[in-house]
């Protein structure tokens, strides 16, 4: 039975590790903390990994563990969230240097705006964008009604658009 659990765990972790790590990194603020929290999250997932997991709920269950691990860390350290990388993926493969610079500037502006979002809006947006979770899964992770999650993401996107328009108008 232990072998089956190990195989399921390894298969699941291999296919979801990047998204889980990305979520942790975006929420905690730096690579060193993200590495530690990722390891702690994997340990918790392993210790509680069901022998016969219901795959439909397994991903949101793992993100809930990651989320709770981050919240515990932030509470214990009274940490502030700082990014050491950009929120959006930067595409530097473009042949046009002007497009690359505009893309980098836009990514940096988005990163700054996301840092200032209220915690629930930021969490919901990062779970959606970086975690790739569906809205219902985000609701499970955040333990909030689906409509609240939709509102958090909607308000976050409106704030980002508004501030980008203000930056571009200046």
N, C-alpha and C. Protein backbone atom coordinates (compact mmCIF):
# COMPACT_ATOMS: atom_id res chain seq x y z
N UNK A 1 0.82 -1.20 0.00
CA UNK A 1 0.00 0.00 0.00
C UNK A 1 0.86 1.26 0.00
N UNK A 2 1.96 1.23 0.74
CA UNK A 2 2.86 2.37 0.82
C UNK A 2 3.46 2.68 -0.56
N UNK A 3 3.74 1.66 -1.36
CA UNK A 3 4.30 1.84 -2.69
C UNK A 3 3.31 2.55 -3.61
N UNK A 4 2.05 2.17 -3.52
CA UNK A 4 1.01 2.81 -4.33
C UNK A 4 0.89 4.28 -3.95
N UNK A 5 0.88 4.56 -2.66
CA UNK A 5 0.80 5.94 -2.18
C UNK A 5 1.99 6.74 -2.70
N UNK A 6 3.17 6.15 -2.63
CA UNK A 6 4.38 6.84 -3.07
C UNK A 6 4.31 7.15 -4.57
N UNK A 7 3.87 6.19 -5.36
CA UNK A 7 3.76 6.39 -6.80
C UNK A 7 2.75 7.48 -7.13
N UNK A 8 1.60 7.46 -6.48
CA UNK A 8 0.57 8.48 -6.71
C UNK A 8 1.09 9.86 -6.30
N UNK A 9 1.76 9.91 -5.16
CA UNK A 9 2.31 11.16 -4.67
C UNK A 9 3.34 11.72 -5.66
N UNK A 10 4.27 10.88 -6.09
CA UNK A 10 5.31 11.32 -7.01
C UNK A 10 4.72 11.80 -8.34
N UNK A 11 3.75 11.07 -8.85
CA UNK A 11 3.11 11.45 -10.11
C UNK A 11 2.40 12.79 -9.96
N UNK A 12 1.68 12.95 -8.87
CA UNK A 12 0.95 14.19 -8.65
C UNK A 12 1.91 15.36 -8.46
N UNK A 13 2.90 15.19 -7.61
CA UNK A 13 3.85 16.27 -7.34
C UNK A 13 4.59 16.66 -8.62
N UNK A 14 5.00 15.68 -9.40
CA UNK A 14 5.72 15.98 -10.63
C UNK A 14 4.88 16.85 -11.56
N UNK A 15 3.60 16.57 -11.66
CA UNK A 15 2.75 17.32 -12.58
C UNK A 15 2.27 18.66 -12.04
N UNK A 16 2.36 18.90 -10.73
CA UNK A 16 1.84 20.14 -10.15
C UNK A 16 2.88 20.97 -9.40
N UNK A 17 4.10 20.49 -9.30
CA UNK A 17 5.10 21.16 -8.47
C UNK A 17 5.38 22.60 -8.90
N UNK A 18 5.44 22.86 -10.20
CA UNK A 18 5.75 24.21 -10.66
C UNK A 18 4.67 25.22 -10.27
N UNK A 19 3.43 24.80 -10.38
CA UNK A 19 2.33 25.71 -10.04
C UNK A 19 2.25 25.92 -8.53
N UNK A 20 2.45 24.88 -7.77
CA UNK A 20 2.43 25.02 -6.31
C UNK A 20 3.59 25.91 -5.86
N UNK A 21 4.77 25.64 -6.40
CA UNK A 21 5.94 26.46 -6.04
C UNK A 21 5.73 27.91 -6.47
N UNK A 22 5.20 28.11 -7.67
CA UNK A 22 4.95 29.47 -8.17
C UNK A 22 3.99 30.23 -7.26
N UNK A 23 2.96 29.57 -6.81
CA UNK A 23 2.02 30.21 -5.89
C UNK A 23 2.72 30.58 -4.58
N UNK A 24 3.47 29.66 -4.03
CA UNK A 24 4.18 29.92 -2.77
C UNK A 24 5.15 31.09 -2.95
N UNK A 25 5.90 31.07 -4.03
CA UNK A 25 6.88 32.12 -4.28
C UNK A 25 6.21 33.48 -4.38
N UNK A 26 5.14 33.57 -5.14
CA UNK A 26 4.45 34.85 -5.31
C UNK A 26 3.88 35.38 -4.00
N UNK A 27 3.46 34.48 -3.14
CA UNK A 27 2.84 34.91 -1.89
C UNK A 27 3.85 35.23 -0.80
N UNK A 28 4.96 34.50 -0.74
CA UNK A 28 5.88 34.72 0.39
C UNK A 28 6.91 35.78 0.12
N UNK A 29 7.32 35.94 -1.11
CA UNK A 29 8.15 37.07 -1.42
C UNK A 29 9.60 36.84 -1.79
N UNK A 30 10.20 35.74 -1.44
CA UNK A 30 11.59 35.53 -1.85
C UNK A 30 11.89 34.05 -2.03
N UNK A 31 12.92 33.81 -2.78
CA UNK A 31 13.26 32.44 -3.18
C UNK A 31 13.60 31.55 -1.98
N UNK A 32 14.37 32.06 -1.04
CA UNK A 32 14.78 31.25 0.12
C UNK A 32 13.57 30.81 0.94
N UNK A 33 12.68 31.73 1.23
CA UNK A 33 11.47 31.39 1.97
C UNK A 33 10.59 30.45 1.16
N UNK A 34 10.49 30.71 -0.14
CA UNK A 34 9.66 29.86 -1.01
C UNK A 34 10.18 28.42 -1.01
N UNK A 35 11.51 28.27 -1.08
CA UNK A 35 12.08 26.92 -1.05
C UNK A 35 11.73 26.20 0.24
N UNK A 36 11.87 26.90 1.36
CA UNK A 36 11.56 26.30 2.66
C UNK A 36 10.08 25.95 2.77
N UNK A 37 9.22 26.88 2.37
CA UNK A 37 7.78 26.65 2.47
C UNK A 37 7.31 25.57 1.49
N UNK A 38 7.96 25.48 0.34
CA UNK A 38 7.62 24.43 -0.62
C UNK A 38 7.95 23.06 -0.02
N UNK A 39 9.12 22.95 0.59
CA UNK A 39 9.50 21.69 1.23
C UNK A 39 8.53 21.34 2.36
N UNK A 40 8.18 22.33 3.16
CA UNK A 40 7.24 22.11 4.26
C UNK A 40 5.87 21.67 3.71
N UNK A 41 5.45 22.30 2.63
CA UNK A 41 4.18 21.94 2.00
C UNK A 41 4.21 20.51 1.49
N UNK A 42 5.28 20.13 0.80
CA UNK A 42 5.40 18.76 0.30
C UNK A 42 5.39 17.75 1.45
N UNK A 43 6.06 18.09 2.54
CA UNK A 43 6.08 17.23 3.71
C UNK A 43 4.66 17.03 4.25
N UNK A 44 3.91 18.12 4.35
CA UNK A 44 2.53 18.04 4.86
C UNK A 44 1.64 17.24 3.89
N UNK A 45 1.85 17.47 2.60
CA UNK A 45 1.06 16.72 1.61
C UNK A 45 1.37 15.23 1.74
N UNK A 46 2.65 14.88 1.82
CA UNK A 46 3.04 13.47 1.95
C UNK A 46 2.44 12.84 3.20
N UNK A 47 2.54 13.53 4.33
CA UNK A 47 2.03 12.98 5.60
C UNK A 47 0.53 12.77 5.59
N UNK A 48 -0.18 13.54 4.78
CA UNK A 48 -1.64 13.44 4.77
C UNK A 48 -2.19 12.93 3.44
N UNK A 49 -1.31 12.48 2.56
CA UNK A 49 -1.73 12.03 1.24
C UNK A 49 -2.62 10.80 1.36
N UNK A 50 -3.81 10.87 0.80
CA UNK A 50 -4.74 9.74 0.92
C UNK A 50 -4.26 8.53 0.11
N UNK A 51 -4.57 7.36 0.60
CA UNK A 51 -4.18 6.13 -0.08
C UNK A 51 -4.89 6.01 -1.43
N UNK A 52 -6.14 6.44 -1.47
CA UNK A 52 -6.91 6.43 -2.72
C UNK A 52 -7.46 7.84 -2.95
N UNK A 53 -6.62 8.72 -3.48
CA UNK A 53 -7.05 10.11 -3.61
C UNK A 53 -8.12 10.30 -4.67
N UNK A 54 -9.00 11.22 -4.40
CA UNK A 54 -10.02 11.63 -5.37
C UNK A 54 -9.37 12.72 -6.21
N UNK A 55 -8.94 12.37 -7.40
CA UNK A 55 -8.10 13.27 -8.20
C UNK A 55 -8.75 14.61 -8.49
N UNK A 56 -10.05 14.67 -8.57
CA UNK A 56 -10.73 15.93 -8.86
C UNK A 56 -10.51 16.96 -7.75
N UNK A 57 -10.37 16.51 -6.53
CA UNK A 57 -10.21 17.43 -5.40
C UNK A 57 -8.78 17.50 -4.90
N UNK A 58 -7.92 16.68 -5.43
CA UNK A 58 -6.55 16.60 -4.93
C UNK A 58 -5.77 17.90 -5.15
N UNK A 59 -5.93 18.51 -6.31
CA UNK A 59 -5.19 19.73 -6.60
C UNK A 59 -5.59 20.87 -5.66
N UNK A 60 -6.88 21.08 -5.47
CA UNK A 60 -7.29 22.16 -4.56
C UNK A 60 -6.91 21.84 -3.13
N UNK A 61 -6.92 20.56 -2.75
CA UNK A 61 -6.49 20.15 -1.41
C UNK A 61 -5.02 20.51 -1.20
N UNK A 62 -4.19 20.26 -2.20
CA UNK A 62 -2.76 20.57 -2.09
C UNK A 62 -2.52 22.08 -2.03
N UNK A 63 -3.27 22.84 -2.82
CA UNK A 63 -3.14 24.29 -2.77
C UNK A 63 -3.64 24.84 -1.43
N UNK A 64 -4.63 24.19 -0.84
CA UNK A 64 -5.08 24.59 0.49
C UNK A 64 -3.96 24.39 1.50
N UNK A 65 -3.27 23.27 1.41
CA UNK A 65 -2.13 23.03 2.32
C UNK A 65 -1.06 24.08 2.10
N UNK A 66 -0.75 24.38 0.84
CA UNK A 66 0.25 25.41 0.53
C UNK A 66 -0.20 26.76 1.08
N UNK A 67 -1.44 27.09 0.86
CA UNK A 67 -2.00 28.36 1.33
C UNK A 67 -1.91 28.47 2.85
N UNK A 68 -2.32 27.42 3.56
CA UNK A 68 -2.28 27.45 5.02
C UNK A 68 -0.85 27.51 5.54
N UNK A 69 0.07 26.86 4.86
CA UNK A 69 1.49 26.92 5.25
C UNK A 69 2.01 28.35 5.11
N UNK A 70 1.64 29.01 4.03
CA UNK A 70 2.06 30.40 3.82
C UNK A 70 1.46 31.31 4.88
N UNK A 71 0.17 31.16 5.13
CA UNK A 71 -0.51 31.99 6.13
C UNK A 71 0.14 31.82 7.50
N UNK A 72 0.42 30.57 7.87
CA UNK A 72 1.09 30.32 9.15
C UNK A 72 2.46 30.99 9.19
N UNK A 73 3.19 30.89 8.10
CA UNK A 73 4.52 31.52 8.02
C UNK A 73 4.42 33.04 8.17
N UNK A 74 3.48 33.64 7.44
CA UNK A 74 3.34 35.09 7.49
C UNK A 74 2.90 35.56 8.87
N UNK A 75 2.05 34.80 9.51
CA UNK A 75 1.61 35.17 10.86
C UNK A 75 2.76 35.05 11.84
N UNK A 76 3.53 33.98 11.72
CA UNK A 76 4.61 33.77 12.70
C UNK A 76 5.75 34.74 12.49
N UNK A 77 6.01 35.12 11.28
CA UNK A 77 7.12 36.02 10.99
C UNK A 77 6.68 37.47 10.88
N UNK A 78 5.35 37.65 10.82
CA UNK A 78 4.79 38.98 10.55
C UNK A 78 5.49 39.56 9.34
N UNK A 79 5.64 38.70 8.34
CA UNK A 79 6.38 39.07 7.14
C UNK A 79 5.55 39.94 6.22
N UNK A 80 6.24 40.71 5.44
CA UNK A 80 5.59 41.48 4.39
C UNK A 80 5.93 40.81 3.08
N UNK A 81 5.05 40.95 2.13
CA UNK A 81 5.30 40.29 0.86
C UNK A 81 6.11 41.21 -0.04
N UNK A 82 7.23 40.69 -0.48
CA UNK A 82 8.10 41.38 -1.43
C UNK A 82 8.40 40.42 -2.56
N UNK A 83 8.36 40.89 -3.75
CA UNK A 83 8.69 40.06 -4.90
C UNK A 83 10.14 40.28 -5.27
N UNK A 84 10.84 39.21 -5.68
CA UNK A 84 12.17 39.39 -6.23
C UNK A 84 12.20 39.01 -7.70
N UNK A 85 11.00 38.73 -8.25
CA UNK A 85 10.86 38.51 -9.69
C UNK A 85 9.55 39.15 -10.11
N UNK A 86 9.31 39.25 -11.36
CA UNK A 86 8.10 39.90 -11.83
C UNK A 86 6.90 38.99 -11.72
N UNK A 87 5.72 39.61 -11.66
CA UNK A 87 4.48 38.87 -11.56
C UNK A 87 4.17 38.17 -12.88
N UNK A 88 4.36 38.84 -13.96
CA UNK A 88 4.05 38.26 -15.27
C UNK A 88 5.31 37.69 -15.91
N UNK A 89 5.14 36.66 -16.73
CA UNK A 89 6.27 36.11 -17.46
C UNK A 89 6.71 37.15 -18.48
N UNK A 90 8.01 37.37 -18.56
CA UNK A 90 8.55 38.34 -19.49
C UNK A 90 9.00 37.61 -20.76
N UNK A 91 8.58 38.15 -21.87
CA UNK A 91 8.98 37.55 -23.14
C UNK A 91 10.10 38.38 -23.74
N UNK A 92 11.32 37.88 -23.61
CA UNK A 92 12.47 38.61 -24.14
C UNK A 92 12.95 38.00 -25.44
N UNK A 93 12.16 37.12 -26.02
CA UNK A 93 12.55 36.48 -27.27
C UNK A 93 12.13 37.30 -28.49
N UNK A 94 11.47 38.41 -28.28
CA UNK A 94 11.01 39.24 -29.39
C UNK A 94 12.21 39.84 -30.10
N UNK A 95 12.11 39.97 -31.40
CA UNK A 95 13.20 40.55 -32.16
C UNK A 95 13.24 42.06 -32.07
N UNK A 96 12.17 42.68 -31.61
CA UNK A 96 12.08 44.13 -31.54
C UNK A 96 12.43 44.62 -30.14
N UNK A 97 13.57 45.33 -29.98
CA UNK A 97 13.97 45.80 -28.65
C UNK A 97 12.95 46.72 -28.00
N UNK A 98 12.25 47.52 -28.79
CA UNK A 98 11.24 48.42 -28.23
C UNK A 98 10.11 47.62 -27.59
N UNK A 99 9.68 46.53 -28.26
CA UNK A 99 8.63 45.69 -27.69
C UNK A 99 9.10 45.03 -26.40
N UNK A 100 10.34 44.62 -26.36
CA UNK A 100 10.90 44.00 -25.15
C UNK A 100 10.87 45.00 -24.01
N UNK A 101 11.32 46.23 -24.26
CA UNK A 101 11.33 47.26 -23.21
C UNK A 101 9.93 47.59 -22.73
N UNK A 102 8.99 47.71 -23.65
CA UNK A 102 7.60 48.00 -23.27
C UNK A 102 7.05 46.85 -22.44
N UNK A 103 7.34 45.61 -22.87
CA UNK A 103 6.87 44.45 -22.12
C UNK A 103 7.46 44.39 -20.72
N UNK A 104 8.75 44.69 -20.60
CA UNK A 104 9.40 44.70 -19.29
C UNK A 104 8.82 45.78 -18.39
N UNK A 105 8.62 46.96 -18.96
CA UNK A 105 8.06 48.06 -18.18
C UNK A 105 6.65 47.73 -17.72
N UNK A 106 5.84 47.17 -18.61
CA UNK A 106 4.47 46.80 -18.25
C UNK A 106 4.47 45.73 -17.16
N UNK A 107 5.34 44.73 -17.29
CA UNK A 107 5.42 43.67 -16.28
C UNK A 107 5.82 44.24 -14.92
N UNK A 108 6.77 45.15 -14.93
CA UNK A 108 7.20 45.76 -13.67
C UNK A 108 6.08 46.58 -13.05
N UNK A 109 5.33 47.30 -13.88
CA UNK A 109 4.20 48.08 -13.37
C UNK A 109 3.13 47.17 -12.80
N UNK A 110 2.84 46.08 -13.50
CA UNK A 110 1.84 45.13 -12.99
C UNK A 110 2.31 44.55 -11.67
N UNK A 111 3.57 44.21 -11.58
CA UNK A 111 4.13 43.65 -10.34
C UNK A 111 3.94 44.63 -9.18
N UNK A 112 4.22 45.89 -9.41
CA UNK A 112 4.06 46.91 -8.36
C UNK A 112 2.60 47.05 -7.95
N UNK A 113 1.72 47.02 -8.92
CA UNK A 113 0.29 47.15 -8.63
C UNK A 113 -0.21 45.95 -7.84
N UNK A 114 0.20 44.75 -8.23
CA UNK A 114 -0.23 43.52 -7.55
C UNK A 114 0.24 43.53 -6.10
N UNK A 115 1.43 44.04 -5.84
CA UNK A 115 1.95 44.12 -4.47
C UNK A 115 1.02 44.92 -3.57
N UNK A 116 0.36 45.94 -4.15
CA UNK A 116 -0.48 46.83 -3.36
C UNK A 116 -1.92 46.35 -3.21
N UNK A 117 -2.28 45.28 -3.92
CA UNK A 117 -3.66 44.79 -3.82
C UNK A 117 -3.97 44.30 -2.41
N UNK A 118 -5.22 44.39 -2.00
CA UNK A 118 -5.61 43.80 -0.72
C UNK A 118 -5.30 42.29 -0.73
N UNK A 119 -4.97 41.71 0.43
CA UNK A 119 -4.53 40.31 0.48
C UNK A 119 -5.45 39.31 -0.22
N UNK A 120 -6.74 39.42 -0.03
CA UNK A 120 -7.65 38.44 -0.65
C UNK A 120 -7.67 38.57 -2.16
N UNK A 121 -7.61 39.80 -2.66
CA UNK A 121 -7.57 39.99 -4.11
C UNK A 121 -6.27 39.45 -4.68
N UNK A 122 -5.18 39.71 -3.99
CA UNK A 122 -3.87 39.24 -4.46
C UNK A 122 -3.82 37.72 -4.45
N UNK A 123 -4.28 37.09 -3.37
CA UNK A 123 -4.26 35.62 -3.29
C UNK A 123 -5.08 34.99 -4.40
N UNK A 124 -6.30 35.51 -4.58
CA UNK A 124 -7.19 34.94 -5.59
C UNK A 124 -6.58 35.09 -6.99
N UNK A 125 -6.03 36.26 -7.27
CA UNK A 125 -5.44 36.50 -8.58
C UNK A 125 -4.22 35.61 -8.82
N UNK A 126 -3.38 35.47 -7.83
CA UNK A 126 -2.18 34.64 -7.98
C UNK A 126 -2.55 33.16 -8.12
N UNK A 127 -3.54 32.71 -7.36
CA UNK A 127 -3.99 31.33 -7.52
C UNK A 127 -4.52 31.08 -8.93
N UNK A 128 -5.18 32.07 -9.49
CA UNK A 128 -5.73 31.93 -10.84
C UNK A 128 -4.62 32.01 -11.89
N UNK A 129 -3.80 33.06 -11.82
CA UNK A 129 -2.80 33.31 -12.86
C UNK A 129 -1.61 32.36 -12.73
N UNK A 130 -1.01 32.28 -11.55
CA UNK A 130 0.18 31.46 -11.38
C UNK A 130 -0.13 30.01 -11.04
N UNK A 131 -1.19 29.80 -10.27
CA UNK A 131 -1.54 28.45 -9.87
C UNK A 131 -2.36 27.72 -10.92
N UNK A 132 -3.02 28.48 -11.77
CA UNK A 132 -3.84 27.86 -12.81
C UNK A 132 -5.08 27.19 -12.27
N UNK A 133 -5.49 27.57 -11.06
CA UNK A 133 -6.66 26.94 -10.46
C UNK A 133 -7.94 27.49 -11.07
N UNK A 134 -8.96 26.65 -11.07
CA UNK A 134 -10.29 27.07 -11.51
C UNK A 134 -10.91 27.87 -10.36
N UNK A 135 -11.91 28.65 -10.69
CA UNK A 135 -12.53 29.52 -9.68
C UNK A 135 -13.07 28.73 -8.50
N UNK A 136 -13.67 27.59 -8.76
CA UNK A 136 -14.21 26.76 -7.66
C UNK A 136 -13.07 26.25 -6.77
N UNK A 137 -11.96 25.90 -7.38
CA UNK A 137 -10.80 25.43 -6.59
C UNK A 137 -10.25 26.57 -5.73
N UNK A 138 -10.23 27.77 -6.29
CA UNK A 138 -9.76 28.93 -5.51
C UNK A 138 -10.69 29.15 -4.33
N UNK A 139 -11.99 29.01 -4.55
CA UNK A 139 -12.96 29.17 -3.47
C UNK A 139 -12.70 28.14 -2.36
N UNK A 140 -12.36 26.92 -2.73
CA UNK A 140 -12.06 25.89 -1.73
C UNK A 140 -10.79 26.24 -0.96
N UNK A 141 -9.75 26.66 -1.69
CA UNK A 141 -8.48 26.99 -1.05
C UNK A 141 -8.65 28.16 -0.08
N UNK A 142 -9.35 29.18 -0.53
CA UNK A 142 -9.52 30.39 0.29
C UNK A 142 -10.66 30.26 1.30
N UNK A 143 -11.41 29.18 1.19
CA UNK A 143 -12.57 28.93 2.06
C UNK A 143 -13.53 30.11 2.02
N UNK A 144 -13.87 30.49 0.79
CA UNK A 144 -14.79 31.59 0.55
C UNK A 144 -15.81 31.16 -0.49
N UNK A 145 -16.96 31.81 -0.52
CA UNK A 145 -17.95 31.49 -1.55
C UNK A 145 -17.40 31.82 -2.94
N UNK A 146 -17.88 31.11 -3.93
CA UNK A 146 -17.43 31.31 -5.30
C UNK A 146 -17.62 32.76 -5.74
N UNK A 147 -18.76 33.35 -5.41
CA UNK A 147 -19.03 34.74 -5.81
C UNK A 147 -18.02 35.70 -5.20
N UNK A 148 -17.57 35.43 -4.00
CA UNK A 148 -16.56 36.29 -3.37
C UNK A 148 -15.24 36.20 -4.13
N UNK A 149 -14.86 35.00 -4.51
CA UNK A 149 -13.62 34.81 -5.28
C UNK A 149 -13.72 35.55 -6.61
N UNK A 150 -14.85 35.40 -7.29
CA UNK A 150 -15.04 36.10 -8.56
C UNK A 150 -14.95 37.61 -8.37
N UNK A 151 -15.50 38.11 -7.28
CA UNK A 151 -15.43 39.54 -6.99
C UNK A 151 -13.99 39.97 -6.71
N UNK A 152 -13.26 39.18 -5.92
CA UNK A 152 -11.86 39.51 -5.62
C UNK A 152 -11.05 39.65 -6.91
N UNK A 153 -11.21 38.69 -7.79
CA UNK A 153 -10.45 38.71 -9.05
C UNK A 153 -10.91 39.85 -9.94
N UNK A 154 -12.20 40.07 -10.01
CA UNK A 154 -12.74 41.16 -10.83
C UNK A 154 -12.21 42.51 -10.34
N UNK A 155 -12.28 42.75 -9.03
CA UNK A 155 -11.79 44.02 -8.49
C UNK A 155 -10.28 44.16 -8.69
N UNK A 156 -9.55 43.08 -8.53
CA UNK A 156 -8.10 43.13 -8.74
C UNK A 156 -7.78 43.52 -10.18
N UNK A 157 -8.46 42.90 -11.13
CA UNK A 157 -8.20 43.21 -12.54
C UNK A 157 -8.60 44.65 -12.88
N UNK A 158 -9.70 45.11 -12.30
CA UNK A 158 -10.11 46.51 -12.52
C UNK A 158 -9.06 47.48 -11.99
N UNK A 159 -8.52 47.19 -10.80
CA UNK A 159 -7.49 48.05 -10.22
C UNK A 159 -6.23 48.05 -11.08
N UNK A 160 -5.86 46.89 -11.56
CA UNK A 160 -4.66 46.80 -12.40
C UNK A 160 -4.86 47.60 -13.68
N UNK A 161 -6.01 47.40 -14.34
CA UNK A 161 -6.30 48.15 -15.57
C UNK A 161 -6.30 49.65 -15.33
N UNK A 162 -6.97 50.07 -14.26
CA UNK A 162 -7.08 51.50 -13.95
C UNK A 162 -5.70 52.11 -13.71
N UNK A 163 -4.89 51.46 -12.90
CA UNK A 163 -3.57 52.01 -12.61
C UNK A 163 -2.66 52.00 -13.83
N UNK A 164 -2.78 50.97 -14.68
CA UNK A 164 -1.99 50.95 -15.91
C UNK A 164 -2.40 52.08 -16.84
N UNK A 165 -3.71 52.35 -16.91
CA UNK A 165 -4.17 53.47 -17.72
C UNK A 165 -3.62 54.79 -17.19
N UNK A 166 -3.61 54.95 -15.86
CA UNK A 166 -3.07 56.17 -15.26
C UNK A 166 -1.57 56.32 -15.54
N UNK A 167 -0.86 55.21 -15.47
CA UNK A 167 0.59 55.23 -15.76
C UNK A 167 0.83 55.59 -17.21
N UNK A 168 0.07 54.98 -18.12
CA UNK A 168 0.24 55.25 -19.55
C UNK A 168 -0.18 56.66 -19.94
N UNK A 169 -1.13 57.25 -19.20
CA UNK A 169 -1.59 58.59 -19.50
C UNK A 169 -0.55 59.65 -19.06
N UNK A 170 0.26 59.27 -18.09
CA UNK A 170 1.24 60.24 -17.55
C UNK A 170 2.41 60.47 -18.47
